[in-house]
């Protein structure tokens, strides 16, 4: 690895005897674990990072899964729920950006939890995150095969699973650059598609489509069948859908270790999250709620990759527009494959980072001459073969339980990022350093991380509530654990690592014991953005610049 420790001037803290804590587990650094072993390549350029941030997680969760949110909660619940989860993600990614610019280390947020919260919690979150992407891959490959049934339902889905798996293998040949290029191209397609839908949605709502017999729609469907459905319980179900739709947003932080210039590209990429949340999620879903009634029976099957029940496709069909629904289905297919590509990247890099630091099998830390974590990639692709389970009669039931392992994972990870940022700032101050020494500061500071952590707890409570009391069906243990299985898994992983290290370090890492220098990358002053003189005349331009670049 090329990471260097940049030691900034600061006073040392010498705890008194009564401050001394139990022996602290210290995760080995990259250099200690790797020796002469190769590191991951740094081939991701600015354009790759921008598209990973903008379009990296736009997929079936938005295009298809949002349909169930409309049917269960209504358009107002969808709008409010996505705004709340979107705000949480904005705070979370800003916190992640600050940490990832300073410490662009392999493993990113898992390592931040190890260093600034507790090694056992970092271990639990790291393996939960890896397991999440391991089981998501076969699901997404299957989902991509299902989208093809929109045109051809006479071809066995196993054929398409084999085709898409082969395509993923080809992408892996080109290492991280292959991942970056695929995400760049697919990201552009998704951005153009959503932008086009927003324009079309405005035209449909204003009655500008000659084939649409409804004419001017306005806010008709907010009055009949109504803005809300199923009361408070319906509103809570939207949190679950929104959390799934935003999954993968954090990958921009994981990619920092393989970025050519994280100092310049990461701040730009994290600011892009504002536009993605505002335009691609909130605005597009607001328009869907205007032009499609939430009581449509067609929305009942909106899950997985059933594009025939996609609210976006249904909204276009309701306007009697020919050909366009088929084109949008192509976009959904490509979006699902994009998530599958991200799954391969997310799981392999996390497993390699865990093993590199002694928290996983040592052989998984191996990186080949092209910078690929070879054994991790092989394991991930082997998990992709689980997609063929769909050929069995009990395939769907098996898939449901596999996905249950990842249901809450995103909320755990996002909450850990906010908490790690809060704890990092405490450790940074305890080491005698000031916020002004940080190469990049989160736009909302620590206050934003506190808000993000609070909203994360709100989403967790809403998920627990709807798992215990689902809409339309009586409470069952099966329904509860299909949504909450990730919680006991996290507890088992946490306690298991605590027992393994024999409780070293106590319950959490003390602020004065935090290592705030290891993994810090030295930056060239030329990497910094040129400072712009602050005047009232250029204030509007600076506000726009802060969000776009």
Protein backbone atom coordinates (compact mmCIF):
# COMPACT_ATOMS: atom_id res chain seq x y z
CA UNK A 1 0.00 0.00 0.00
CA UNK A 2 1.10 3.58 -0.63
CA UNK A 3 -0.67 5.10 2.36
CA UNK A 4 1.61 7.14 4.56
CA UNK A 5 1.09 8.36 8.06
CA UNK A 6 1.02 12.13 8.13
CA UNK A 7 1.78 13.28 11.66
CA UNK A 8 0.31 16.67 12.33
CA UNK A 9 1.66 18.67 15.26
CA UNK A 10 -0.28 18.21 18.45
CA UNK A 11 0.16 17.71 22.12
CA UNK A 12 0.30 14.20 23.52
CA UNK A 13 -2.23 13.09 26.05
CA UNK A 14 -0.89 11.14 29.03
CA UNK A 15 -3.74 9.63 30.99
CA UNK A 16 -3.41 9.39 34.72
CA UNK A 17 -3.59 6.06 36.50
CA UNK A 18 -7.30 6.39 37.21
CA UNK A 19 -7.92 7.07 33.50
CA UNK A 20 -6.16 3.94 32.34
CA UNK A 21 -8.47 1.54 30.54
CA UNK A 22 -8.24 -2.22 30.04
CA UNK A 23 -5.77 -3.45 27.40
CA UNK A 24 -6.91 -2.12 24.03
CA UNK A 25 -7.25 -4.32 20.97
CA UNK A 26 -5.38 -2.61 18.13
CA UNK A 27 -6.13 -3.75 14.60
CA UNK A 28 -2.92 -4.28 12.63
CA UNK A 29 -2.15 -1.58 10.11
CA UNK A 30 -1.93 -2.24 6.40
CA UNK A 31 1.85 -2.38 6.53
CA UNK A 32 1.92 -4.74 9.51
CA UNK A 33 -0.47 -7.18 7.89
CA UNK A 34 0.70 -6.97 4.29
CA UNK A 35 4.45 -6.93 4.54
CA UNK A 36 5.52 -7.15 0.91
CA UNK A 37 2.03 -8.03 -0.30
CA UNK A 38 0.54 -5.96 -3.10
CA UNK A 39 -2.12 -3.37 -2.44
CA UNK A 40 -5.29 -2.51 -4.31
CA UNK A 41 -4.82 -0.38 -7.39
CA UNK A 42 -5.76 3.31 -7.38
CA UNK A 43 -7.36 3.62 -10.78
CA UNK A 44 -10.67 5.36 -10.04
CA UNK A 45 -10.74 8.84 -11.53
CA UNK A 46 -12.91 11.79 -10.70
CA UNK A 47 -15.57 10.94 -13.30
CA UNK A 48 -15.88 7.42 -11.84
CA UNK A 49 -16.29 8.74 -8.30
CA UNK A 50 -18.92 11.25 -9.43
CA UNK A 51 -21.05 8.59 -11.11
CA UNK A 52 -20.65 6.16 -8.22
CA UNK A 53 -21.98 8.93 -5.97
CA UNK A 54 -24.79 10.07 -8.27
CA UNK A 55 -26.09 6.86 -9.78
CA UNK A 56 -24.41 4.09 -7.82
CA UNK A 57 -27.51 2.95 -5.94
CA UNK A 58 -30.29 3.99 -8.32
CA UNK A 59 -31.84 0.64 -9.14
CA UNK A 60 -34.81 -1.63 -8.54
CA UNK A 61 -35.37 -0.11 -5.08
CA UNK A 62 -36.36 3.20 -6.69
CA UNK A 63 -37.82 2.01 -9.99
CA UNK A 64 -39.79 -1.00 -8.69
CA UNK A 65 -39.77 -1.22 -4.88
CA UNK A 66 -41.21 2.27 -4.51
CA UNK A 67 -44.48 0.90 -5.91
CA UNK A 68 -45.19 -1.03 -2.71
CA UNK A 69 -44.49 2.15 -0.74
CA UNK A 70 -47.11 4.02 -2.79
CA UNK A 71 -49.64 1.24 -2.30
CA UNK A 72 -49.00 0.90 1.44
CA UNK A 73 -48.42 4.52 2.44
CA UNK A 74 -49.74 6.78 -0.32
CA UNK A 75 -47.92 9.58 -2.21
CA UNK A 76 -47.56 11.92 0.79
CA UNK A 77 -46.01 9.17 2.93
CA UNK A 78 -43.61 8.33 0.12
CA UNK A 79 -42.60 11.96 -0.28
CA UNK A 80 -42.08 12.54 3.46
CA UNK A 81 -40.39 9.18 4.03
CA UNK A 82 -37.88 9.63 1.24
CA UNK A 83 -37.15 13.20 2.33
CA UNK A 84 -36.43 12.00 5.90
CA UNK A 85 -34.24 9.08 4.81
CA UNK A 86 -32.67 11.31 2.17
CA UNK A 87 -31.74 13.87 4.83
CA UNK A 88 -30.24 11.09 6.93
CA UNK A 89 -28.16 9.98 3.93
CA UNK A 90 -27.01 13.53 3.27
CA UNK A 91 -25.66 13.85 6.82
CA UNK A 92 -24.18 10.35 6.67
CA UNK A 93 -22.30 10.81 3.40
CA UNK A 94 -20.94 14.17 4.53
CA UNK A 95 -19.55 12.50 7.66
CA UNK A 96 -18.16 9.66 5.56
CA UNK A 97 -16.57 12.15 3.18
CA UNK A 98 -14.66 13.85 6.00
CA UNK A 99 -13.33 10.53 7.27
CA UNK A 100 -12.58 9.06 3.84
CA UNK A 101 -10.62 12.10 2.64
CA UNK A 102 -8.43 11.97 5.75
CA UNK A 103 -8.24 8.16 5.88
CA UNK A 104 -8.74 6.71 2.36
CA UNK A 105 -8.00 3.24 3.71
CA UNK A 106 -9.24 -0.10 2.44
CA UNK A 107 -12.38 -1.06 4.34
CA UNK A 108 -13.40 2.55 4.96
CA UNK A 109 -16.39 2.70 7.33
CA UNK A 110 -15.70 -0.73 8.80
CA UNK A 111 -12.23 0.48 9.80
CA UNK A 112 -13.63 3.74 11.18
CA UNK A 113 -15.91 1.72 13.47
CA UNK A 114 -12.95 -0.40 14.61
CA UNK A 115 -10.79 2.63 15.40
CA UNK A 116 -13.29 5.11 16.76
CA UNK A 117 -16.16 3.05 18.23
CA UNK A 118 -15.12 -0.47 19.20
CA UNK A 119 -13.20 -3.26 17.37
CA UNK A 120 -15.96 -5.80 18.10
CA UNK A 121 -18.62 -3.52 16.63
CA UNK A 122 -16.40 -2.85 13.61
CA UNK A 123 -15.94 -6.60 13.14
CA UNK A 124 -19.71 -7.17 13.32
CA UNK A 125 -20.48 -4.34 10.89
CA UNK A 126 -17.73 -5.39 8.48
CA UNK A 127 -18.96 -8.96 8.16
CA UNK A 128 -22.62 -7.92 8.09
CA UNK A 129 -21.79 -5.57 5.22
CA UNK A 130 -19.86 -8.27 3.36
CA UNK A 131 -22.67 -10.81 3.89
CA UNK A 132 -25.17 -8.18 2.73
CA UNK A 133 -23.52 -7.86 -0.68
CA UNK A 134 -22.78 -11.58 -0.92
CA UNK A 135 -26.50 -12.43 -0.76
CA UNK A 136 -27.61 -9.37 -2.74
CA UNK A 137 -25.64 -10.52 -5.82
CA UNK A 138 -27.67 -13.66 -6.62
CA UNK A 139 -30.87 -11.72 -5.90
CA UNK A 140 -29.93 -8.94 -8.34
CA UNK A 141 -28.86 -11.43 -11.03
CA UNK A 142 -32.22 -13.16 -10.65
CA UNK A 143 -33.98 -9.79 -10.72
CA UNK A 144 -32.22 -8.90 -13.98
CA UNK A 145 -33.47 -12.19 -15.43
CA UNK A 146 -37.02 -11.41 -14.31
CA UNK A 147 -36.96 -8.05 -16.13
CA UNK A 148 -36.41 -9.91 -19.39
CA UNK A 149 -39.80 -11.60 -18.93
CA UNK A 150 -41.32 -8.21 -19.76
CA UNK A 151 -40.58 -9.12 -23.39
CA UNK A 152 -39.94 -12.88 -23.36
CA UNK A 153 -41.42 -15.17 -20.73
CA UNK A 154 -40.82 -18.32 -22.78
CA UNK A 155 -37.08 -18.47 -22.01
CA UNK A 156 -35.97 -20.16 -18.80
CA UNK A 157 -34.62 -17.63 -16.32
CA UNK A 158 -31.55 -19.85 -15.78
CA UNK A 159 -30.34 -18.86 -19.26
CA UNK A 160 -30.29 -15.17 -18.34
CA UNK A 161 -28.67 -15.89 -14.97
CA UNK A 162 -25.80 -17.64 -16.77
CA UNK A 163 -25.45 -14.75 -19.24
CA UNK A 164 -25.36 -12.06 -16.54
CA UNK A 165 -22.93 -14.05 -14.37
CA UNK A 166 -20.57 -14.36 -17.33
CA UNK A 167 -20.81 -10.58 -17.89
CA UNK A 168 -19.81 -9.98 -14.26
CA UNK A 169 -16.83 -12.30 -14.64
CA UNK A 170 -15.69 -10.28 -17.66
CA UNK A 171 -15.93 -7.04 -15.66
CA UNK A 172 -13.69 -8.53 -12.94
CA UNK A 173 -10.94 -9.16 -15.50
CA UNK A 174 -10.41 -5.41 -15.73
CA UNK A 175 -10.08 -4.96 -11.94
CA UNK A 176 -11.37 -1.78 -10.28
CA UNK A 177 -11.08 0.17 -13.54
CA UNK A 178 -13.67 -2.21 -15.04
CA UNK A 179 -16.02 -1.53 -12.12
CA UNK A 180 -15.50 2.20 -12.50
CA UNK A 181 -16.11 2.25 -16.26
CA UNK A 182 -19.24 0.11 -16.02
CA UNK A 183 -20.66 2.32 -13.26
CA UNK A 184 -19.76 5.43 -15.25
CA UNK A 185 -21.65 4.28 -18.35
CA UNK A 186 -24.64 2.83 -16.49
CA UNK A 187 -24.72 5.87 -14.19
CA UNK A 188 -25.08 8.19 -17.18
CA UNK A 189 -27.90 6.04 -18.57
CA UNK A 190 -29.75 6.09 -15.24
CA UNK A 191 -29.31 9.84 -14.79
CA UNK A 192 -30.56 10.56 -18.32
CA UNK A 193 -33.52 8.19 -17.84
CA UNK A 194 -34.65 9.72 -14.55
CA UNK A 195 -34.19 13.26 -15.90
CA UNK A 196 -36.24 12.32 -18.96
CA UNK A 197 -38.96 10.81 -16.79
CA UNK A 198 -39.16 13.99 -14.68
CA UNK A 199 -39.71 16.07 -17.82
CA UNK A 200 -42.27 13.56 -19.11
CA UNK A 201 -44.01 13.45 -15.72
CA UNK A 202 -44.49 17.22 -15.75
CA UNK A 203 -45.93 17.04 -19.28
CA UNK A 204 -48.31 14.19 -18.33
CA UNK A 205 -49.49 15.98 -15.19
CA UNK A 206 -50.20 19.15 -17.15
CA UNK A 207 -52.24 17.21 -19.74
CA UNK A 208 -49.72 17.61 -22.53
CA UNK A 209 -49.85 14.02 -23.83
CA UNK A 210 -52.40 13.70 -26.67
CA UNK A 211 -52.93 9.97 -26.07
CA UNK A 212 -53.77 10.44 -22.37
CA UNK A 213 -57.59 10.59 -21.91
CA UNK A 214 -57.25 12.01 -18.38
CA UNK A 215 -56.18 15.45 -19.59
CA UNK A 216 -54.94 17.80 -16.87
CA UNK A 217 -54.26 15.81 -13.68
CA UNK A 218 -52.68 18.24 -11.22
CA UNK A 219 -53.02 16.94 -7.66
CA UNK A 220 -56.14 14.90 -8.40
CA UNK A 221 -54.76 11.65 -6.99
CA UNK A 222 -53.69 13.35 -3.75
CA UNK A 223 -57.39 13.98 -3.10
CA UNK A 224 -58.79 10.75 -4.52
CA UNK A 225 -57.74 8.09 -3.46
CA UNK A 226 -55.85 10.38 -1.04
CA UNK A 227 -52.40 11.46 0.09
CA UNK A 228 -52.04 8.86 2.87
CA UNK A 229 -52.94 5.17 3.09
CA UNK A 230 -53.08 2.87 6.13
CA UNK A 231 -52.41 5.71 8.56
CA UNK A 232 -49.26 5.80 10.69
CA UNK A 233 -48.40 2.17 9.94
CA UNK A 234 -48.44 2.93 6.21
CA UNK A 235 -46.11 5.86 6.77
CA UNK A 236 -43.66 3.63 8.70
CA UNK A 237 -43.50 1.07 5.88
CA UNK A 238 -42.04 3.74 3.61
CA UNK A 239 -38.89 3.90 5.79
CA UNK A 240 -38.15 0.27 4.98
CA UNK A 241 -38.55 0.82 1.23
CA UNK A 242 -36.54 4.06 1.28
CA UNK A 243 -33.66 2.45 3.18
CA UNK A 244 -33.50 -0.30 0.55
CA UNK A 245 -33.67 2.25 -2.28
CA UNK A 246 -30.71 4.24 -0.90
CA UNK A 247 -28.56 1.13 -0.34
CA UNK A 248 -25.14 1.49 -1.93
CA UNK A 249 -24.83 5.24 -1.41
CA UNK A 250 -21.92 4.61 0.96
CA UNK A 251 -19.88 2.82 -1.75
CA UNK A 252 -18.25 6.12 -2.67
CA UNK A 253 -16.44 5.97 0.69
CA UNK A 254 -15.39 2.35 0.13
CA UNK A 255 -13.98 3.36 -3.27
CA UNK A 256 -11.76 6.04 -1.68
CA UNK A 257 -8.90 3.57 -1.15
CA UNK A 258 -8.76 3.00 -4.91
CA UNK A 259 -9.19 6.63 -5.99
CA UNK A 260 -6.31 8.41 -7.69
CA UNK A 261 -6.89 11.68 -5.84
CA UNK A 262 -9.40 11.35 -2.97
CA UNK A 263 -8.58 14.86 -1.72
CA UNK A 264 -10.11 16.37 -4.84
CA UNK A 265 -12.67 13.80 -5.99
CA UNK A 266 -14.30 12.73 -2.71
CA UNK A 267 -15.58 16.16 -1.60
CA UNK A 268 -17.09 16.66 -5.05
CA UNK A 269 -18.66 13.22 -5.01
CA UNK A 270 -20.19 13.63 -1.54
CA UNK A 271 -21.75 16.94 -2.50
CA UNK A 272 -23.42 15.23 -5.46
CA UNK A 273 -25.56 13.31 -2.98
CA UNK A 274 -27.67 16.44 -2.42
CA UNK A 275 -28.70 16.55 -6.07
CA UNK A 276 -29.29 12.82 -6.30
CA UNK A 277 -31.61 12.86 -3.29
CA UNK A 278 -33.44 16.01 -4.34
CA UNK A 279 -33.86 15.34 -8.05
CA UNK A 280 -33.54 11.64 -8.72
CA UNK A 281 -35.47 10.40 -5.69
CA UNK A 282 -37.71 13.07 -4.20
CA UNK A 283 -38.74 14.91 -7.37
CA UNK A 284 -39.23 11.80 -9.50
CA UNK A 285 -41.32 10.06 -6.81
CA UNK A 286 -43.35 13.23 -6.24
CA UNK A 287 -44.26 13.23 -9.94
CA UNK A 288 -45.12 9.52 -9.87
CA UNK A 289 -47.50 10.24 -6.99
CA UNK A 290 -49.17 12.95 -9.07
CA UNK A 291 -49.76 10.92 -12.23
CA UNK A 292 -50.46 7.42 -10.84
CA UNK A 293 -53.21 6.56 -8.32
CA UNK A 294 -51.82 4.81 -5.24
CA UNK A 295 -54.77 2.40 -5.06
CA UNK A 296 -53.90 0.83 -8.41
CA UNK A 297 -54.08 -2.97 -8.14
CA UNK A 298 -51.09 -3.19 -10.50
CA UNK A 299 -48.86 -1.89 -7.67
CA UNK A 300 -49.55 -4.99 -5.56
CA UNK A 301 -46.75 -6.93 -7.25
CA UNK A 302 -44.13 -4.18 -6.99
CA UNK A 303 -41.22 -5.99 -5.42
CA UNK A 304 -37.90 -7.43 -6.55
CA UNK A 305 -37.63 -6.70 -10.27
CA UNK A 306 -41.24 -7.19 -11.35
CA UNK A 307 -41.10 -4.32 -13.84
CA UNK A 308 -44.68 -4.94 -14.90
CA UNK A 309 -45.55 -3.42 -11.50
CA UNK A 310 -42.99 -0.60 -11.61
CA UNK A 311 -44.75 2.68 -10.78
CA UNK A 312 -42.56 4.41 -13.38
CA UNK A 313 -43.59 1.97 -16.12
CA UNK A 314 -47.24 2.03 -14.98
CA UNK A 315 -47.28 5.83 -15.02
CA UNK A 316 -46.09 5.84 -18.63
CA UNK A 317 -48.60 3.14 -19.60
CA UNK A 318 -51.43 5.08 -17.95
CA UNK A 319 -50.69 7.93 -20.37
CA UNK A 320 -51.11 5.48 -23.29
CA UNK A 321 -47.59 6.14 -24.57
CA UNK A 322 -46.34 3.32 -26.78
CA UNK A 323 -42.75 1.99 -26.90
CA UNK A 324 -41.56 4.14 -23.98
CA UNK A 325 -42.51 1.58 -21.27
CA UNK A 326 -40.32 -0.97 -23.05
CA UNK A 327 -37.44 1.49 -23.21
CA UNK A 328 -37.75 2.26 -19.51
CA UNK A 329 -37.72 -1.46 -18.78
CA UNK A 330 -34.30 -1.59 -20.46
CA UNK A 331 -33.15 1.10 -18.03
CA UNK A 332 -34.43 -0.95 -15.08
CA UNK A 333 -32.61 -4.04 -16.36
CA UNK A 334 -29.34 -2.10 -16.66
CA UNK A 335 -29.91 -0.54 -13.21
CA UNK A 336 -30.29 -3.97 -11.62
CA UNK A 337 -27.07 -5.14 -13.31
CA UNK A 338 -25.37 -2.00 -11.99
CA UNK A 339 -26.33 -2.97 -8.44
CA UNK A 340 -25.00 -6.49 -9.09
CA UNK A 341 -21.72 -4.92 -10.22
CA UNK A 342 -21.65 -2.81 -7.04
CA UNK A 343 -22.36 -5.91 -4.96
CA UNK A 344 -19.23 -7.58 -6.32
CA UNK A 345 -17.15 -4.50 -5.51
CA UNK A 346 -18.62 -3.94 -2.04
CA UNK A 347 -18.27 -7.50 -0.76
CA UNK A 348 -14.81 -8.22 -2.15
CA UNK A 349 -13.21 -5.03 -0.83
CA UNK A 350 -14.78 -5.46 2.60
CA UNK A 351 -13.73 -9.11 2.94
CA UNK A 352 -10.20 -8.28 1.82
CA UNK A 353 -9.96 -5.42 4.34
CA UNK A 354 -11.28 -7.60 7.17
CA UNK A 355 -8.79 -10.37 6.41
CA UNK A 356 -5.96 -7.90 5.98
CA UNK A 357 -6.44 -6.78 9.56
CA UNK A 358 -6.74 -10.23 11.12
CA UNK A 359 -10.54 -10.30 11.25
CA UNK A 360 -10.98 -12.94 8.56
CA UNK A 361 -9.19 -15.85 6.85
CA UNK A 362 -5.69 -14.76 5.89
CA UNK A 363 -5.90 -16.07 2.30
CA UNK A 364 -8.68 -13.57 1.53
CA UNK A 365 -6.18 -10.73 1.94
CA UNK A 366 -4.33 -11.80 -1.22
CA UNK A 367 -4.23 -9.21 -4.02
CA UNK A 368 -2.98 -10.22 -7.47
CA UNK A 369 -0.54 -8.17 -9.63
CA UNK A 370 -3.46 -6.26 -11.21
CA UNK A 371 -4.74 -5.10 -7.82
CA UNK A 372 -7.64 -7.54 -7.61
CA UNK A 373 -8.58 -9.32 -4.34
CA UNK A 374 -8.66 -12.60 -6.22
CA UNK A 375 -10.00 -15.06 -3.63
CA UNK A 376 -12.67 -12.61 -2.51
CA UNK A 377 -13.84 -12.22 -6.10
CA UNK A 378 -14.02 -16.01 -6.53
CA UNK A 379 -16.12 -16.35 -3.36
CA UNK A 380 -18.47 -13.57 -4.44
CA UNK A 381 -18.98 -15.11 -7.89
CA UNK A 382 -19.60 -18.52 -6.28
CA UNK A 383 -22.36 -16.87 -4.23
CA UNK A 384 -23.74 -15.62 -7.53
CA UNK A 385 -24.42 -19.26 -8.44
CA UNK A 386 -27.08 -19.26 -5.71
CA UNK A 387 -29.26 -17.49 -8.27
CA UNK A 388 -29.88 -20.91 -9.83
CA UNK A 389 -31.82 -21.82 -6.66
CA UNK A 390 -34.78 -20.29 -8.47
CA UNK A 391 -34.91 -23.47 -10.54
CA UNK A 392 -36.04 -25.30 -7.38
CA UNK A 393 -39.64 -25.26 -6.18
CA UNK A 394 -38.56 -23.82 -2.81
CA UNK A 395 -36.18 -21.31 -4.36
CA UNK A 396 -38.16 -18.19 -3.41
CA UNK A 397 -38.42 -19.27 0.23
CA UNK A 398 -34.65 -19.81 0.42
CA UNK A 399 -34.04 -16.42 -1.16
CA UNK A 400 -36.31 -14.68 1.35
CA UNK A 401 -34.26 -16.02 4.26
CA UNK A 402 -30.96 -15.19 2.59
CA UNK A 403 -32.13 -11.62 2.04
CA UNK A 404 -33.30 -11.47 5.66
CA UNK A 405 -29.61 -11.53 6.63
CA UNK A 406 -29.18 -8.13 4.98
CA UNK A 407 -32.53 -6.45 5.71
CA UNK A 408 -31.28 -4.07 8.45
CA UNK A 409 -27.65 -3.98 7.38
CA UNK A 410 -27.79 -0.61 5.66
CA UNK A 411 -29.24 1.10 8.72
CA UNK A 412 -26.56 -0.45 10.94
CA UNK A 413 -23.79 0.72 8.61
CA UNK A 414 -25.15 4.25 8.19
CA UNK A 415 -25.66 4.65 11.94
CA UNK A 416 -22.11 3.41 12.54
CA UNK A 417 -20.71 5.98 10.09
CA UNK A 418 -22.43 8.83 11.95
CA UNK A 419 -21.31 7.51 15.34
CA UNK A 420 -17.74 6.95 14.09
CA UNK A 421 -17.62 10.57 12.89
CA UNK A 422 -18.85 11.84 16.26
CA UNK A 423 -16.29 9.73 18.11
CA UNK A 424 -13.52 10.69 15.65
CA UNK A 425 -14.05 14.38 16.33
CA UNK A 426 -13.75 13.63 20.07
CA UNK A 427 -10.50 11.73 19.52
CA UNK A 428 -9.18 14.41 17.17
CA UNK A 429 -9.75 17.06 19.84
CA UNK A 430 -8.28 14.83 22.58
CA UNK A 431 -5.06 14.52 20.56
CA UNK A 432 -4.68 18.30 20.59
CA UNK A 433 -5.68 18.94 17.01
CA UNK A 434 -8.17 21.46 15.68
CA UNK A 435 -10.91 21.11 13.09
CA UNK A 436 -9.07 23.58 10.85
CA UNK A 437 -6.36 20.95 10.28
CA UNK A 438 -8.80 18.59 8.54
CA UNK A 439 -8.33 18.55 4.74
CA UNK A 440 -12.11 18.34 4.31
CA UNK A 441 -14.85 19.09 6.83
CA UNK A 442 -18.40 17.71 6.74
CA UNK A 443 -20.71 20.53 5.67
CA UNK A 444 -22.98 20.03 8.69
CA UNK A 445 -20.23 19.24 11.20
CA UNK A 446 -20.83 16.97 14.17
CA UNK A 447 -24.37 18.32 14.53
CA UNK A 448 -25.24 16.72 11.20
CA UNK A 449 -23.93 13.35 12.42
CA UNK A 450 -26.04 13.59 15.58
CA UNK A 451 -29.12 14.30 13.45
CA UNK A 452 -28.21 11.49 11.06
CA UNK A 453 -27.79 9.07 13.96
CA UNK A 454 -31.16 10.11 15.42
CA UNK A 455 -32.94 9.64 12.08
CA UNK A 456 -31.25 6.26 11.79
CA UNK A 457 -32.79 5.19 15.10
CA UNK A 458 -36.18 6.46 13.90
CA UNK A 459 -35.89 4.27 10.80
CA UNK A 460 -34.86 1.26 12.91
CA UNK A 461 -37.83 1.73 15.25
CA UNK A 462 -40.20 2.09 12.27
CA UNK A 463 -38.79 -1.11 10.76
CA UNK A 464 -39.23 -2.96 14.06
CA UNK A 465 -42.80 -1.70 14.37
CA UNK A 466 -43.86 -2.72 10.86
CA UNK A 467 -42.11 -6.10 11.24
CA UNK A 468 -44.05 -6.77 14.42
CA UNK A 469 -47.36 -5.44 13.06
CA UNK A 470 -47.36 -5.80 9.25
CA UNK A 471 -50.09 -4.22 7.14
CA UNK A 472 -52.99 -6.46 6.25
CA UNK A 473 -51.76 -9.60 8.01
CA UNK A 474 -51.59 -10.74 11.64
CA UNK A 475 -48.19 -10.71 13.41
CA UNK A 476 -46.11 -13.84 12.78
CA UNK A 477 -42.61 -14.91 13.85
CA UNK A 478 -41.70 -15.60 10.24
CA UNK A 479 -42.61 -12.09 9.05
CA UNK A 480 -40.77 -10.54 11.99
CA UNK A 481 -37.50 -12.42 11.49
CA UNK A 482 -37.54 -11.96 7.72
CA UNK A 483 -37.17 -8.25 8.46
CA UNK A 484 -35.10 -8.37 11.66
CA UNK A 485 -32.76 -11.37 11.25
CA UNK A 486 -29.78 -9.07 10.71
CA UNK A 487 -30.11 -7.84 14.32
CA UNK A 488 -29.40 -11.16 16.08
CA UNK A 489 -26.64 -11.82 13.53
CA UNK A 490 -24.96 -8.53 14.47
CA UNK A 491 -25.24 -9.39 18.17
CA UNK A 492 -23.70 -12.84 17.61
CA UNK A 493 -20.80 -11.38 15.60
CA UNK A 494 -20.22 -8.65 18.20
CA UNK A 495 -20.20 -11.02 21.19
CA UNK A 496 -18.13 -13.56 19.25
CA UNK A 497 -15.32 -11.08 18.62
CA UNK A 498 -15.47 -9.80 22.20
CA UNK A 499 -14.94 -13.36 23.41
CA UNK A 500 -12.18 -13.93 20.87
CA UNK A 501 -10.16 -10.93 22.08
CA UNK A 502 -11.22 -11.68 25.68
CA UNK A 503 -12.89 -8.32 26.16
CA UNK A 504 -9.74 -6.28 25.56
CA UNK A 505 -10.39 -2.54 25.47
CA UNK A 506 -13.65 -2.45 27.41
CA UNK A 507 -16.95 -1.48 25.83
CA UNK A 508 -15.63 1.24 23.54
CA UNK A 509 -12.46 3.03 22.46
CA UNK A 510 -11.63 5.95 24.76
CA UNK A 511 -11.05 9.29 23.03
CA UNK A 512 -7.46 9.64 24.28
CA UNK A 513 -6.64 6.10 23.12
CA UNK A 514 -7.73 6.65 19.51
CA UNK A 515 -5.14 6.34 16.76
CA UNK A 516 -5.76 9.39 14.59
CA UNK A 517 -2.63 9.15 12.42
CA UNK A 518 -2.37 5.62 10.98
CA UNK A 519 -3.67 5.42 7.42
CA UNK A 520 -3.68 9.20 6.98
CA UNK A 521 -2.68 9.98 3.41
CA UNK A 522 -0.28 12.85 2.81
CA UNK A 523 -1.68 15.41 0.41
CA UNK A 524 0.02 17.62 -2.10
CA UNK A 525 -1.01 21.26 -1.61
CA UNK A 526 -1.61 21.38 -5.37
CA UNK A 527 -4.46 18.89 -4.86
CA UNK A 528 -6.49 21.51 -3.01
CA UNK A 529 -9.17 23.43 -4.82
CA UNK A 530 -8.20 27.06 -5.50
CA UNK A 531 -9.71 29.34 -2.88
CA UNK A 532 -12.32 31.74 -4.21
CA UNK A 533 -12.65 35.21 -2.75
CA UNK A 534 -15.92 35.44 -0.81
CA UNK A 535 -18.09 38.40 -1.89
CA UNK A 536 -21.81 39.09 -1.97
CA UNK A 537 -21.62 39.25 -5.76
CA UNK A 538 -20.46 35.64 -6.12
CA UNK A 539 -22.56 34.26 -3.22
CA UNK A 540 -25.17 32.56 -5.49
CA UNK A 541 -22.41 30.98 -7.58
CA UNK A 542 -20.62 29.74 -4.45
CA UNK A 543 -23.81 28.14 -3.11
CA UNK A 544 -24.37 26.26 -6.37
CA UNK A 545 -20.66 25.37 -6.58
CA UNK A 546 -20.72 23.90 -3.06
CA UNK A 547 -23.37 21.36 -4.10
CA UNK A 548 -22.24 20.54 -7.65
CA UNK A 549 -18.45 20.37 -7.36
